[in-house]
Amino acid sequence: MNAAQIAQLAIILAPIAKDIIVEGNKIITTYRENLTQEQINKSLELSKSATWPELDFKP
């Protein structure tokens, strides 16, 4: 993943993530324990409205 892809993914995960750690081209996320429906909806909305770069999850 390049920097733009990591940044976009971090923005989308922000409402539901407890921690977001970037190590090189990897992103490690710990999710919140008590998620509200509103937080989940916000994350989904950010995902739908994002202008995604082409993602490549191949190793």
C-alpha atoms as a PDB file:
ATOM      1  CA  MET A   1       0.000   0.000   0.000  1.00  0.00           C
ATOM      2  CA  ASN A   2       1.235   3.468  -0.760  1.00  0.00           C
ATOM      3  CA  ALA A   3       0.904   6.530   1.480  1.00  0.00           C
ATOM      4  CA  ALA A   4      -2.344   7.723  -0.170  1.00  0.00           C
ATOM      5  CA  GLN A   5      -3.985   4.327   0.288  1.00  0.00           C
ATOM      6  CA  ILE A   6      -2.904   4.111   3.942  1.00  0.00           C
ATOM      7  CA  ALA A   7      -4.161   7.638   4.636  1.00  0.00           C
ATOM      8  CA  GLN A   8      -7.543   6.946   3.031  1.00  0.00           C
ATOM      9  CA  LEU A   9      -7.965   3.726   4.978  1.00  0.00           C
ATOM     10  CA  ALA A  10      -7.004   5.464   8.240  1.00  0.00           C
ATOM     11  CA  ILE A  11      -9.620   8.183   7.638  1.00  0.00           C
ATOM     12  CA  ILE A  12     -12.324   5.577   7.132  1.00  0.00           C
ATOM     13  CA  LEU A  13     -11.272   3.520  10.159  1.00  0.00           C
ATOM     14  CA  ALA A  14     -10.952   6.539  12.491  1.00  0.00           C
ATOM     15  CA  PRO A  15     -14.548   6.474  13.854  1.00  0.00           C
ATOM     16  CA  ILE A  16     -14.249   2.816  14.898  1.00  0.00           C
ATOM     17  CA  ALA A  17     -10.532   2.489  15.697  1.00  0.00           C
ATOM     18  CA  LYS A  18      -8.953   2.653  19.107  1.00  0.00           C
ATOM     19  CA  ASP A  19      -5.416   2.699  17.679  1.00  0.00           C
ATOM     20  CA  ILE A  20      -4.080   2.949  14.144  1.00  0.00           C
ATOM     21  CA  ILE A  21      -0.408   2.098  13.680  1.00  0.00           C
ATOM     22  CA  VAL A  22       1.444   2.321  10.379  1.00  0.00           C
ATOM     23  CA  GLU A  23       4.552   0.184   9.964  1.00  0.00           C
ATOM     24  CA  GLY A  24       6.093   0.664   6.550  1.00  0.00           C
ATOM     25  CA  ASN A  25       3.364  -0.298   4.094  1.00  0.00           C
ATOM     26  CA  LYS A  26       1.218  -2.059   6.723  1.00  0.00           C
ATOM     27  CA  ILE A  27      -1.620  -0.656   8.813  1.00  0.00           C
ATOM     28  CA  ILE A  28      -2.434  -2.242  12.179  1.00  0.00           C
ATOM     29  CA  THR A  29      -5.753  -1.325  13.787  1.00  0.00           C
ATOM     30  CA  THR A  30      -7.210  -2.045  17.205  1.00  0.00           C
ATOM     31  CA  TYR A  31     -10.945  -1.481  17.230  1.00  0.00           C
ATOM     32  CA  ARG A  32     -12.950   0.136  20.019  1.00  0.00           C
ATOM     33  CA  GLU A  33     -14.733  -2.246  22.347  1.00  0.00           C
ATOM     34  CA  ASN A  34     -18.025  -0.368  22.693  1.00  0.00           C
ATOM     35  CA  LEU A  35     -18.962   0.841  19.240  1.00  0.00           C
ATOM     36  CA  THR A  36     -22.186   2.725  18.764  1.00  0.00           C
ATOM     37  CA  GLN A  37     -24.333   2.315  15.697  1.00  0.00           C
ATOM     38  CA  GLU A  38     -23.653   5.965  14.898  1.00  0.00           C
ATOM     39  CA  GLN A  39     -19.876   5.359  14.812  1.00  0.00           C
ATOM     40  CA  ILE A  40     -20.310   2.334  12.558  1.00  0.00           C
ATOM     41  CA  ASN A  41     -22.635   4.292  10.261  1.00  0.00           C
ATOM     42  CA  LYS A  42     -20.143   7.162  10.067  1.00  0.00           C
ATOM     43  CA  SER A  43     -17.357   4.795   9.072  1.00  0.00           C
ATOM     44  CA  LEU A  44     -19.540   3.204   6.408  1.00  0.00           C
ATOM     45  CA  GLU A  45     -20.551   6.620   5.077  1.00  0.00           C
ATOM     46  CA  LEU A  46     -16.913   7.710   4.855  1.00  0.00           C
ATOM     47  CA  SER A  47     -16.155   4.513   2.968  1.00  0.00           C
ATOM     48  CA  LYS A  48     -18.938   5.097   0.448  1.00  0.00           C
ATOM     49  CA  SER A  49     -18.083   8.753  -0.115  1.00  0.00           C
ATOM     50  CA  ALA A  50     -14.341   8.229  -0.447  1.00  0.00           C
ATOM     51  CA  THR A  51     -12.499   8.622  -3.696  1.00  0.00           C
ATOM     52  CA  TRP A  52     -10.497   5.447  -3.395  1.00  0.00           C
ATOM     53  CA  PRO A  53      -7.127   4.991  -5.013  1.00  0.00           C
ATOM     54  CA  GLU A  54      -6.803   1.537  -6.510  1.00  0.00           C
ATOM     55  CA  LEU A  55      -6.004  -0.762  -3.582  1.00  0.00           C
ATOM     56  CA  ASP A  56      -3.688  -3.730  -3.945  1.00  0.00           C
ATOM     57  CA  PHE A  57      -3.625  -6.081  -0.955  1.00  0.00           C
ATOM     58  CA  LYS A  58      -1.203  -8.538  -2.517  1.00  0.00           C
ATOM     59  CA  PRO A  59       1.929  -9.278  -0.438  1.00  0.00           C
END
